[in-house]
């Protein structure tokens, strides 16, 4: 009698590892391949759970069981977290295959959950052998960006770069050539009394600086400009309450993070007009309540208080919430 059975890919990998003998010695060839330290909506490990992740890759021709190896984000603590043993369906990486580990300090099952989280501001990740001393692979990564992964350049695996498309569980496809250097802004956000010229700059040659004054994001991480974006060609004259959002972009490069600076002119606040605000498109009501965009004229114009407006506005904490 002939009997046909279907064998799933993970089970097949396990069968191969048992038949061939999964390599476990130091230097077996497993490498850290890709990571994401600011996962907002790229890949979920549960309902509404978008956690950091680290991807390992087996470039060899044999399956490798990484159970018992140590993963850490602290070089001074190489045994911070050990990949579980005795779980080959979770820890055997087939030839040319990938293994995803969540860096979320989560429970041990289901899946693999490291006992640490990644710092989006930049740090390191290291993979150590079962003795806790032999370093197998490591990467020091810079500041990370939301939903932009960091991994080995597909054309030069010795180089790490920001990747154009995150590929958890698969080969890296394309990398940004570089990252545009952070913007320098001549005037910081805050209260102002007199007009000034705002200067923007970046050290990256060939980069273009774009900005908006309507609250919109000037460009995305790939350098695609919004409809309201303006190209910076020289100092911007700021003489009234203004919100400037700016970023630097260059073709093939990762754009700078968007910088947002709100310049509040106290005189403008005192003279804010309810009618002008509504005419400009602000909603006339906040839910069940009538909107109120102006200071009480009876107070602002009262000789007893009018001279105290500027000092009073500066004396209380102020928060600028910006949206398009």
C-alpha atoms as a PDB file:
ATOM      1  CA  UNK A   1       0.000   0.000   0.000  1.00  0.00           C
ATOM      2  CA  UNK A   2       1.302   3.452  -0.934  1.00  0.00           C
ATOM      3  CA  UNK A   3       0.855   6.180   1.638  1.00  0.00           C
ATOM      4  CA  UNK A   4       1.509   9.838   0.876  1.00  0.00           C
ATOM      5  CA  UNK A   5       1.943  12.383   3.681  1.00  0.00           C
ATOM      6  CA  UNK A   6       2.533  16.147   3.657  1.00  0.00           C
ATOM      7  CA  UNK A   7       5.455  17.453   5.699  1.00  0.00           C
ATOM      8  CA  UNK A   8       5.385  21.138   6.700  1.00  0.00           C
ATOM      9  CA  UNK A   9       8.509  23.246   6.089  1.00  0.00           C
ATOM     10  CA  UNK A  10       9.419  23.589   9.787  1.00  0.00           C
ATOM     11  CA  UNK A  11       9.068  19.850  10.313  1.00  0.00           C
ATOM     12  CA  UNK A  12      11.164  19.211   7.217  1.00  0.00           C
ATOM     13  CA  UNK A  13      13.903  21.494   8.543  1.00  0.00           C
ATOM     14  CA  UNK A  14      13.833  19.620  11.845  1.00  0.00           C
ATOM     15  CA  UNK A  15      14.063  16.278  10.021  1.00  0.00           C
ATOM     16  CA  UNK A  16      17.059  17.538   8.044  1.00  0.00           C
ATOM     17  CA  UNK A  17      18.738  18.775  11.195  1.00  0.00           C
ATOM     18  CA  UNK A  18      18.319  15.370  12.841  1.00  0.00           C
ATOM     19  CA  UNK A  19      19.576  13.584   9.733  1.00  0.00           C
ATOM     20  CA  UNK A  20      22.544  15.859   9.061  1.00  0.00           C
ATOM     21  CA  UNK A  21      23.325  16.985  12.580  1.00  0.00           C
ATOM     22  CA  UNK A  22      22.688  20.650  13.288  1.00  0.00           C
ATOM     23  CA  UNK A  23      25.935  22.548  13.788  1.00  0.00           C
ATOM     24  CA  UNK A  24      26.283  23.886  17.300  1.00  0.00           C
ATOM     25  CA  UNK A  25      29.944  24.759  17.700  1.00  0.00           C
ATOM     26  CA  UNK A  26      31.459  28.233  17.950  1.00  0.00           C
ATOM     27  CA  UNK A  27      31.691  29.973  14.576  1.00  0.00           C
ATOM     28  CA  UNK A  28      28.834  28.042  13.018  1.00  0.00           C
ATOM     29  CA  UNK A  29      28.094  30.954  10.705  1.00  0.00           C
ATOM     30  CA  UNK A  30      24.809  32.358  12.017  1.00  0.00           C
ATOM     31  CA  UNK A  31      24.729  36.151  11.711  1.00  0.00           C
ATOM     32  CA  UNK A  32      22.556  39.008  12.882  1.00  0.00           C
ATOM     33  CA  UNK A  33      20.891  40.117   9.666  1.00  0.00           C
ATOM     34  CA  UNK A  34      18.267  42.807  10.313  1.00  0.00           C
ATOM     35  CA  UNK A  35      16.577  44.589  13.203  1.00  0.00           C
ATOM     36  CA  UNK A  36      13.840  47.098  13.948  1.00  0.00           C
ATOM     37  CA  UNK A  37      13.860  49.213  17.092  1.00  0.00           C
ATOM     38  CA  UNK A  38      10.876  51.466  16.318  1.00  0.00           C
ATOM     39  CA  UNK A  39       8.114  49.165  15.100  1.00  0.00           C
ATOM     40  CA  UNK A  40       4.845  51.104  14.833  1.00  0.00           C
ATOM     41  CA  UNK A  41       2.935  49.157  12.179  1.00  0.00           C
ATOM     42  CA  UNK A  42       5.372  46.953  10.236  1.00  0.00           C
ATOM     43  CA  UNK A  43       4.840  43.575  11.889  1.00  0.00           C
ATOM     44  CA  UNK A  44       2.721  42.532  14.881  1.00  0.00           C
ATOM     45  CA  UNK A  45       3.468  39.657  17.225  1.00  0.00           C
ATOM     46  CA  UNK A  46      -0.028  39.809  18.687  1.00  0.00           C
ATOM     47  CA  UNK A  47      -3.163  41.963  18.708  1.00  0.00           C
ATOM     48  CA  UNK A  48      -1.997  45.577  18.684  1.00  0.00           C
ATOM     49  CA  UNK A  49       1.501  44.461  19.696  1.00  0.00           C
ATOM     50  CA  UNK A  50       4.178  45.976  17.494  1.00  0.00           C
ATOM     51  CA  UNK A  51       7.418  45.157  19.245  1.00  0.00           C
ATOM     52  CA  UNK A  52      11.115  45.426  18.443  1.00  0.00           C
ATOM     53  CA  UNK A  53      12.571  42.490  16.556  1.00  0.00           C
ATOM     54  CA  UNK A  54      15.915  40.967  15.608  1.00  0.00           C
ATOM     55  CA  UNK A  55      16.461  38.660  12.652  1.00  0.00           C
ATOM     56  CA  UNK A  56      19.114  35.932  12.503  1.00  0.00           C
ATOM     57  CA  UNK A  57      20.270  34.393   9.222  1.00  0.00           C
ATOM     58  CA  UNK A  58      21.897  31.076   8.393  1.00  0.00           C
ATOM     59  CA  UNK A  59      24.054  31.555   5.274  1.00  0.00           C
ATOM     60  CA  UNK A  60      25.481  28.019   5.408  1.00  0.00           C
ATOM     61  CA  UNK A  61      24.398  24.870   3.588  1.00  0.00           C
ATOM     62  CA  UNK A  62      23.341  23.023   6.750  1.00  0.00           C
ATOM     63  CA  UNK A  63      20.566  23.584   9.292  1.00  0.00           C
ATOM     64  CA  UNK A  64      21.735  25.187  12.540  1.00  0.00           C
ATOM     65  CA  UNK A  65      20.096  24.984  15.941  1.00  0.00           C
ATOM     66  CA  UNK A  66      20.696  28.284  17.762  1.00  0.00           C
ATOM     67  CA  UNK A  67      19.128  27.012  20.986  1.00  0.00           C
ATOM     68  CA  UNK A  68      21.462  27.791  23.883  1.00  0.00           C
ATOM     69  CA  UNK A  69      23.149  30.770  22.236  1.00  0.00           C
ATOM     70  CA  UNK A  70      22.972  34.106  24.047  1.00  0.00           C
ATOM     71  CA  UNK A  71      21.583  37.369  22.699  1.00  0.00           C
ATOM     72  CA  UNK A  72      22.195  40.680  24.448  1.00  0.00           C
ATOM     73  CA  UNK A  73      22.030  44.438  24.003  1.00  0.00           C
ATOM     74  CA  UNK A  74      24.627  44.932  26.750  1.00  0.00           C
ATOM     75  CA  UNK A  75      28.219  43.952  25.852  1.00  0.00           C
ATOM     76  CA  UNK A  76      29.030  43.867  29.571  1.00  0.00           C
ATOM     77  CA  UNK A  77      26.336  41.233  30.100  1.00  0.00           C
ATOM     78  CA  UNK A  78      26.843  38.631  27.338  1.00  0.00           C
ATOM     79  CA  UNK A  79      24.470  36.103  28.938  1.00  0.00           C
ATOM     80  CA  UNK A  80      21.575  38.552  29.326  1.00  0.00           C
ATOM     81  CA  UNK A  81      19.139  36.292  27.451  1.00  0.00           C
ATOM     82  CA  UNK A  82      19.558  32.716  26.285  1.00  0.00           C
ATOM     83  CA  UNK A  83      17.727  31.327  23.277  1.00  0.00           C
ATOM     84  CA  UNK A  84      15.650  28.398  24.653  1.00  0.00           C
ATOM     85  CA  UNK A  85      16.907  24.854  24.232  1.00  0.00           C
ATOM     86  CA  UNK A  86      14.837  21.782  23.516  1.00  0.00           C
ATOM     87  CA  UNK A  87      12.570  23.658  21.101  1.00  0.00           C
ATOM     88  CA  UNK A  88      14.009  22.762  17.655  1.00  0.00           C
ATOM     89  CA  UNK A  89      10.850  23.777  15.806  1.00  0.00           C
ATOM     90  CA  UNK A  90      11.499  27.315  17.077  1.00  0.00           C
ATOM     91  CA  UNK A  91      15.292  27.426  17.045  1.00  0.00           C
ATOM     92  CA  UNK A  92      16.532  25.435  14.043  1.00  0.00           C
ATOM     93  CA  UNK A  93      17.357  27.709  11.109  1.00  0.00           C
ATOM     94  CA  UNK A  94      17.438  25.942   7.767  1.00  0.00           C
ATOM     95  CA  UNK A  95      20.087  26.609   5.116  1.00  0.00           C
ATOM     96  CA  UNK A  96      19.634  30.102   3.755  1.00  0.00           C
ATOM     97  CA  UNK A  97      16.715  30.697   6.114  1.00  0.00           C
ATOM     98  CA  UNK A  98      15.862  33.294   8.752  1.00  0.00           C
ATOM     99  CA  UNK A  99      14.723  33.346  12.370  1.00  0.00           C
ATOM    100  CA  UNK A 100      12.826  36.216  13.980  1.00  0.00           C
ATOM    101  CA  UNK A 101      13.228  37.016  17.674  1.00  0.00           C
ATOM    102  CA  UNK A 102      10.999  39.596  19.372  1.00  0.00           C
ATOM    103  CA  UNK A 103      12.924  41.996  21.611  1.00  0.00           C
ATOM    104  CA  UNK A 104      10.048  42.805  23.925  1.00  0.00           C
ATOM    105  CA  UNK A 105      10.750  41.226  27.326  1.00  0.00           C
ATOM    106  CA  UNK A 106       7.666  39.152  26.629  1.00  0.00           C
ATOM    107  CA  UNK A 107       6.659  35.654  27.806  1.00  0.00           C
ATOM    108  CA  UNK A 108       8.626  32.684  26.432  1.00  0.00           C
ATOM    109  CA  UNK A 109       5.795  31.341  24.239  1.00  0.00           C
ATOM    110  CA  UNK A 110       4.586  31.403  21.546  1.00  0.00           C
ATOM    111  CA  UNK A 111       7.620  32.326  19.492  1.00  0.00           C
ATOM    112  CA  UNK A 112      10.928  33.624  20.782  1.00  0.00           C
ATOM    113  CA  UNK A 113      10.891  36.696  23.029  1.00  0.00           C
ATOM    114  CA  UNK A 114      14.216  38.159  24.192  1.00  0.00           C
ATOM    115  CA  UNK A 115      14.457  39.515  27.708  1.00  0.00           C
ATOM    116  CA  UNK A 116      15.312  43.027  26.571  1.00  0.00           C
ATOM    117  CA  UNK A 117      14.057  45.784  24.299  1.00  0.00           C
ATOM    118  CA  UNK A 118      16.005  47.782  21.743  1.00  0.00           C
ATOM    119  CA  UNK A 119      16.820  51.438  22.253  1.00  0.00           C
ATOM    120  CA  UNK A 120      15.625  53.499  19.285  1.00  0.00           C
ATOM    121  CA  UNK A 121      18.302  56.063  20.112  1.00  0.00           C
ATOM    122  CA  UNK A 122      20.972  53.514  19.141  1.00  0.00           C
ATOM    123  CA  UNK A 123      22.913  50.779  20.927  1.00  0.00           C
ATOM    124  CA  UNK A 124      24.328  47.328  20.112  1.00  0.00           C
ATOM    125  CA  UNK A 125      23.158  43.741  19.723  1.00  0.00           C
ATOM    126  CA  UNK A 126      25.500  40.800  20.177  1.00  0.00           C
ATOM    127  CA  UNK A 127      25.175  37.052  19.684  1.00  0.00           C
ATOM    128  CA  UNK A 128      27.352  34.883  21.957  1.00  0.00           C
ATOM    129  CA  UNK A 129      28.150  31.172  21.919  1.00  0.00           C
ATOM    130  CA  UNK A 130      26.786  28.702  24.465  1.00  0.00           C
ATOM    131  CA  UNK A 131      29.728  29.280  26.780  1.00  0.00           C
ATOM    132  CA  UNK A 132      28.691  32.916  27.145  1.00  0.00           C
ATOM    133  CA  UNK A 133      32.162  34.060  26.094  1.00  0.00           C
ATOM    134  CA  UNK A 134      32.662  33.427  22.394  1.00  0.00           C
ATOM    135  CA  UNK A 135      31.335  36.313  20.318  1.00  0.00           C
ATOM    136  CA  UNK A 136      29.613  35.026  17.167  1.00  0.00           C
ATOM    137  CA  UNK A 137      28.343  38.302  15.710  1.00  0.00           C
ATOM    138  CA  UNK A 138      27.462  41.828  16.770  1.00  0.00           C
ATOM    139  CA  UNK A 139      26.248  45.134  15.377  1.00  0.00           C
ATOM    140  CA  UNK A 140      26.329  48.659  16.743  1.00  0.00           C
ATOM    141  CA  UNK A 141      23.407  50.583  15.303  1.00  0.00           C
ATOM    142  CA  UNK A 142      22.727  54.342  15.234  1.00  0.00           C
ATOM    143  CA  UNK A 143      19.469  56.179  15.937  1.00  0.00           C
ATOM    144  CA  UNK A 144      16.555  54.282  14.443  1.00  0.00           C
ATOM    145  CA  UNK A 145      13.482  55.592  12.657  1.00  0.00           C
ATOM    146  CA  UNK A 146       9.844  54.534  12.872  1.00  0.00           C
ATOM    147  CA  UNK A 147       9.133  51.475  10.681  1.00  0.00           C
ATOM    148  CA  UNK A 148      12.548  51.733   8.997  1.00  0.00           C
ATOM    149  CA  UNK A 149      14.624  48.621   9.579  1.00  0.00           C
ATOM    150  CA  UNK A 150      18.409  48.427   9.793  1.00  0.00           C
ATOM    151  CA  UNK A 151      20.245  45.540   8.216  1.00  0.00           C
ATOM    152  CA  UNK A 152      22.991  44.194   6.037  1.00  0.00           C
ATOM    153  CA  UNK A 153      23.273  45.786   2.625  1.00  0.00           C
ATOM    154  CA  UNK A 154      22.082  43.143   0.118  1.00  0.00           C
ATOM    155  CA  UNK A 155      24.933  44.145  -2.225  1.00  0.00           C
ATOM    156  CA  UNK A 156      27.627  44.263   0.472  1.00  0.00           C
ATOM    157  CA  UNK A 157      26.740  42.176   3.496  1.00  0.00           C
ATOM    158  CA  UNK A 158      29.676  43.612   5.457  1.00  0.00           C
ATOM    159  CA  UNK A 159      27.920  46.993   5.462  1.00  0.00           C
ATOM    160  CA  UNK A 160      24.900  47.840   7.612  1.00  0.00           C
ATOM    161  CA  UNK A 161      22.403  50.388   6.315  1.00  0.00           C
ATOM    162  CA  UNK A 162      18.849  51.614   6.709  1.00  0.00           C
ATOM    163  CA  UNK A 163      16.693  49.427   4.482  1.00  0.00           C
ATOM    164  CA  UNK A 164      14.163  50.797   2.003  1.00  0.00           C
ATOM    165  CA  UNK A 165      11.715  47.960   2.737  1.00  0.00           C
ATOM    166  CA  UNK A 166      11.707  45.944   6.004  1.00  0.00           C
ATOM    167  CA  UNK A 167      11.886  42.222   5.238  1.00  0.00           C
ATOM    168  CA  UNK A 168      11.453  40.279   8.494  1.00  0.00           C
ATOM    169  CA  UNK A 169      11.861  36.590   7.700  1.00  0.00           C
ATOM    170  CA  UNK A 170      13.250  37.165   4.225  1.00  0.00           C
ATOM    171  CA  UNK A 171      16.304  38.447   2.332  1.00  0.00           C
ATOM    172  CA  UNK A 172      17.111  42.149   2.414  1.00  0.00           C
ATOM    173  CA  UNK A 173      16.093  43.805  -0.850  1.00  0.00           C
ATOM    174  CA  UNK A 174      17.364  47.377  -1.044  1.00  0.00           C
ATOM    175  CA  UNK A 175      19.208  49.846   1.149  1.00  0.00           C
ATOM    176  CA  UNK A 176      19.379  53.612   1.363  1.00  0.00           C
ATOM    177  CA  UNK A 177      22.686  55.008   0.149  1.00  0.00           C
ATOM    178  CA  UNK A 178      22.970  57.050   3.328  1.00  0.00           C
ATOM    179  CA  UNK A 179      21.104  59.251   5.781  1.00  0.00           C
ATOM    180  CA  UNK A 180      20.794  62.989   5.255  1.00  0.00           C
ATOM    181  CA  UNK A 181      22.514  64.825   8.089  1.00  0.00           C
ATOM    182  CA  UNK A 182      20.304  66.455  10.710  1.00  0.00           C
ATOM    183  CA  UNK A 183      19.017  69.946  10.068  1.00  0.00           C
ATOM    184  CA  UNK A 184      20.454  72.937  11.851  1.00  0.00           C
ATOM    185  CA  UNK A 185      17.823  75.560  12.707  1.00  0.00           C
ATOM    186  CA  UNK A 186      18.993  79.072  13.554  1.00  0.00           C
ATOM    187  CA  UNK A 187      16.085  79.891  15.887  1.00  0.00           C
ATOM    188  CA  UNK A 188      14.490  77.469  18.324  1.00  0.00           C
ATOM    189  CA  UNK A 189      10.787  77.237  19.037  1.00  0.00           C
ATOM    190  CA  UNK A 190       9.335  79.614  21.596  1.00  0.00           C
ATOM    191  CA  UNK A 191       8.069  83.154  22.203  1.00  0.00           C
ATOM    192  CA  UNK A 192       9.316  86.061  20.084  1.00  0.00           C
ATOM    193  CA  UNK A 193       8.793  89.822  20.118  1.00  0.00           C
ATOM    194  CA  UNK A 194      10.567  90.907  16.938  1.00  0.00           C
ATOM    195  CA  UNK A 195      10.779  89.571  13.353  1.00  0.00           C
ATOM    196  CA  UNK A 196      13.786  87.458  12.395  1.00  0.00           C
ATOM    197  CA  UNK A 197      15.284  85.486   9.505  1.00  0.00           C
ATOM    198  CA  UNK A 198      15.143  81.720   9.964  1.00  0.00           C
ATOM    199  CA  UNK A 199      18.073  79.793   8.465  1.00  0.00           C
ATOM    200  CA  UNK A 200      18.061  76.044   7.787  1.00  0.00           C
ATOM    201  CA  UNK A 201      21.064  73.934   6.807  1.00  0.00           C
ATOM    202  CA  UNK A 202      22.484  70.413   6.611  1.00  0.00           C
ATOM    203  CA  UNK A 203      26.018  69.137   6.039  1.00  0.00           C
ATOM    204  CA  UNK A 204      24.912  66.584   3.425  1.00  0.00           C
ATOM    205  CA  UNK A 205      26.061  67.675  -0.018  1.00  0.00           C
ATOM    206  CA  UNK A 206      23.358  67.540  -2.663  1.00  0.00           C
ATOM    207  CA  UNK A 207      20.503  67.501  -0.147  1.00  0.00           C
ATOM    208  CA  UNK A 208      17.393  69.639  -0.602  1.00  0.00           C
ATOM    209  CA  UNK A 209      15.640  71.204   2.373  1.00  0.00           C
ATOM    210  CA  UNK A 210      11.862  71.431   2.167  1.00  0.00           C
ATOM    211  CA  UNK A 211       9.466  73.006   4.631  1.00  0.00           C
ATOM    212  CA  UNK A 212       5.818  73.808   5.300  1.00  0.00           C
ATOM    213  CA  UNK A 213       4.051  76.538   7.232  1.00  0.00           C
ATOM    214  CA  UNK A 214       0.599  74.884   7.269  1.00  0.00           C
ATOM    215  CA  UNK A 215       1.417  72.203   9.836  1.00  0.00           C
ATOM    216  CA  UNK A 216       1.827  69.490   7.203  1.00  0.00           C
ATOM    217  CA  UNK A 217       4.770  67.074   7.013  1.00  0.00           C
ATOM    218  CA  UNK A 218       7.091  68.407   4.254  1.00  0.00           C
ATOM    219  CA  UNK A 219       8.335  65.008   3.049  1.00  0.00           C
ATOM    220  CA  UNK A 220       8.410  61.378   4.085  1.00  0.00           C
ATOM    221  CA  UNK A 221      11.422  59.206   4.894  1.00  0.00           C
ATOM    222  CA  UNK A 222      11.893  58.469   1.186  1.00  0.00           C
ATOM    223  CA  UNK A 223      12.012  62.138   0.204  1.00  0.00           C
ATOM    224  CA  UNK A 224       8.549  62.276  -1.374  1.00  0.00           C
ATOM    225  CA  UNK A 225       7.338  65.841  -0.881  1.00  0.00           C
ATOM    226  CA  UNK A 226       3.855  66.823   0.254  1.00  0.00           C
ATOM    227  CA  UNK A 227       1.688  69.106  -1.861  1.00  0.00           C
ATOM    228  CA  UNK A 228       2.244  72.028   0.489  1.00  0.00           C
ATOM    229  CA  UNK A 229       6.034  71.688   0.735  1.00  0.00           C
ATOM    230  CA  UNK A 230       8.270  74.564  -0.294  1.00  0.00           C
ATOM    231  CA  UNK A 231      11.924  74.294  -1.299  1.00  0.00           C
ATOM    232  CA  UNK A 232      14.232  76.240   0.990  1.00  0.00           C
ATOM    233  CA  UNK A 233      16.354  78.630  -1.056  1.00  0.00           C
ATOM    234  CA  UNK A 234      17.342  81.154   1.582  1.00  0.00           C
ATOM    235  CA  UNK A 235      16.429  82.602   4.983  1.00  0.00           C
ATOM    236  CA  UNK A 236      12.709  82.561   5.803  1.00  0.00           C
ATOM    237  CA  UNK A 237      11.228  85.789   7.123  1.00  0.00           C
ATOM    238  CA  UNK A 238       9.232  85.148  10.299  1.00  0.00           C
ATOM    239  CA  UNK A 239       7.271  88.136  11.554  1.00  0.00           C
ATOM    240  CA  UNK A 240       4.095  86.613  12.949  1.00  0.00           C
ATOM    241  CA  UNK A 241       3.079  83.458  14.787  1.00  0.00           C
ATOM    242  CA  UNK A 242       4.311  80.674  12.482  1.00  0.00           C
ATOM    243  CA  UNK A 243       4.778  76.918  12.577  1.00  0.00           C
ATOM    244  CA  UNK A 244       7.694  75.758  10.425  1.00  0.00           C
ATOM    245  CA  UNK A 245       8.164  72.044   9.734  1.00  0.00           C
ATOM    246  CA  UNK A 246      11.307  71.170   7.783  1.00  0.00           C
ATOM    247  CA  UNK A 247      13.291  68.158   6.588  1.00  0.00           C
ATOM    248  CA  UNK A 248      16.286  67.428   4.396  1.00  0.00           C
ATOM    249  CA  UNK A 249      15.993  64.944   1.544  1.00  0.00           C
ATOM    250  CA  UNK A 250      18.144  63.523  -1.228  1.00  0.00           C
ATOM    251  CA  UNK A 251      17.368  60.936  -3.891  1.00  0.00           C
ATOM    252  CA  UNK A 252      18.180  57.437  -2.659  1.00  0.00           C
ATOM    253  CA  UNK A 253      18.926  58.652   0.861  1.00  0.00           C
ATOM    254  CA  UNK A 254      16.917  58.430   4.069  1.00  0.00           C
ATOM    255  CA  UNK A 255      15.440  61.858   4.790  1.00  0.00           C
ATOM    256  CA  UNK A 256      16.078  63.624   8.069  1.00  0.00           C
ATOM    257  CA  UNK A 257      13.505  63.424  10.825  1.00  0.00           C
ATOM    258  CA  UNK A 258      11.020  66.276  10.477  1.00  0.00           C
ATOM    259  CA  UNK A 259      11.866  69.208  12.726  1.00  0.00           C
ATOM    260  CA  UNK A 260       8.914  71.228  13.995  1.00  0.00           C
ATOM    261  CA  UNK A 261       9.318  74.726  15.440  1.00  0.00           C
ATOM    262  CA  UNK A 262       6.445  76.965  16.481  1.00  0.00           C
ATOM    263  CA  UNK A 263       7.314  80.641  16.817  1.00  0.00           C
ATOM    264  CA  UNK A 264       4.726  82.419  18.938  1.00  0.00           C
ATOM    265  CA  UNK A 265       4.514  86.203  18.799  1.00  0.00           C
ATOM    266  CA  UNK A 266       2.883  87.360  22.017  1.00  0.00           C
ATOM    267  CA  UNK A 267       1.241  90.363  20.369  1.00  0.00           C
ATOM    268  CA  UNK A 268      -0.498  88.048  17.908  1.00  0.00           C
ATOM    269  CA  UNK A 269      -1.898  85.927  20.731  1.00  0.00           C
ATOM    270  CA  UNK A 270      -3.308  88.952  22.536  1.00  0.00           C
ATOM    271  CA  UNK A 271      -4.968  90.152  19.339  1.00  0.00           C
ATOM    272  CA  UNK A 272      -6.254  86.769  18.109  1.00  0.00           C
ATOM    273  CA  UNK A 273      -9.643  87.165  16.478  1.00  0.00           C
ATOM    274  CA  UNK A 274     -12.445  84.652  16.866  1.00  0.00           C
ATOM    275  CA  UNK A 275     -13.948  85.651  13.515  1.00  0.00           C
ATOM    276  CA  UNK A 276     -10.587  85.396  11.724  1.00  0.00           C
ATOM    277  CA  UNK A 277      -9.916  81.947  13.152  1.00  0.00           C
ATOM    278  CA  UNK A 278     -13.277  80.584  12.021  1.00  0.00           C
ATOM    279  CA  UNK A 279     -12.856  82.230   8.611  1.00  0.00           C
ATOM    280  CA  UNK A 280      -9.472  80.487   8.288  1.00  0.00           C
ATOM    281  CA  UNK A 281     -11.154  77.109   8.694  1.00  0.00           C
ATOM    282  CA  UNK A 282     -10.923  76.382  12.408  1.00  0.00           C
ATOM    283  CA  UNK A 283     -14.077  74.659  13.706  1.00  0.00           C
ATOM    284  CA  UNK A 284     -16.658  76.978  15.285  1.00  0.00           C
ATOM    285  CA  UNK A 285     -17.370  74.417  18.011  1.00  0.00           C
ATOM    286  CA  UNK A 286     -15.500  71.814  20.063  1.00  0.00           C
ATOM    287  CA  UNK A 287     -18.056  69.072  20.335  1.00  0.00           C
ATOM    288  CA  UNK A 288     -20.958  70.464  22.354  1.00  0.00           C
ATOM    289  CA  UNK A 289     -19.040  73.620  23.270  1.00  0.00           C
ATOM    290  CA  UNK A 290     -18.544  76.806  21.282  1.00  0.00           C
ATOM    291  CA  UNK A 291     -14.917  77.192  20.222  1.00  0.00           C
ATOM    292  CA  UNK A 292     -12.963  80.066  21.774  1.00  0.00           C
ATOM    293  CA  UNK A 293      -9.876  81.271  19.919  1.00  0.00           C
ATOM    294  CA  UNK A 294      -9.394  84.751  21.329  1.00  0.00           C
ATOM    295  CA  UNK A 295      -8.448  86.299  24.627  1.00  0.00           C
ATOM    296  CA  UNK A 296     -11.241  88.197  26.342  1.00  0.00           C
ATOM    297  CA  UNK A 297     -11.002  91.711  24.837  1.00  0.00           C
ATOM    298  CA  UNK A 298     -12.330  93.207  28.052  1.00  0.00           C
ATOM    299  CA  UNK A 299      -9.301  91.826  29.865  1.00  0.00           C
ATOM    300  CA  UNK A 300      -6.693  92.281  27.137  1.00  0.00           C
ATOM    301  CA  UNK A 301      -7.681  95.907  26.566  1.00  0.00           C
ATOM    302  CA  UNK A 302      -8.126  96.798  30.217  1.00  0.00           C
ATOM    303  CA  UNK A 303      -5.397  99.324  31.207  1.00  0.00           C
ATOM    304  CA  UNK A 304      -4.996  97.471  34.471  1.00  0.00           C
ATOM    305  CA  UNK A 305      -3.904  94.269  32.671  1.00  0.00           C
ATOM    306  CA  UNK A 306      -2.895  95.164  29.108  1.00  0.00           C
ATOM    307  CA  UNK A 307       0.698  95.883  30.063  1.00  0.00           C
ATOM    308  CA  UNK A 308       1.029  92.508  31.775  1.00  0.00           C
ATOM    309  CA  UNK A 309      -0.039  90.303  28.863  1.00  0.00           C
ATOM    310  CA  UNK A 310       3.404  89.411  27.502  1.00  0.00           C
ATOM    311  CA  UNK A 311       4.925  88.633  30.873  1.00  0.00           C
ATOM    312  CA  UNK A 312       1.865  86.642  31.938  1.00  0.00           C
ATOM    313  CA  UNK A 313       1.836  84.472  28.818  1.00  0.00           C
ATOM    314  CA  UNK A 314       5.501  83.612  29.326  1.00  0.00           C
ATOM    315  CA  UNK A 315       4.993  82.795  32.999  1.00  0.00           C
ATOM    316  CA  UNK A 316       2.895  79.658  32.406  1.00  0.00           C
ATOM    317  CA  UNK A 317       3.895  76.393  30.702  1.00  0.00           C
ATOM    318  CA  UNK A 318       3.000  76.368  27.009  1.00  0.00           C
ATOM    319  CA  UNK A 319       2.574  73.318  24.764  1.00  0.00           C
ATOM    320  CA  UNK A 320       2.429  73.496  20.967  1.00  0.00           C
ATOM    321  CA  UNK A 321       0.402  70.707  19.339  1.00  0.00           C
ATOM    322  CA  UNK A 322       0.942  70.683  15.590  1.00  0.00           C
ATOM    323  CA  UNK A 323      -1.136  68.994  12.908  1.00  0.00           C
ATOM    324  CA  UNK A 324      -2.036  69.739   9.325  1.00  0.00           C
END
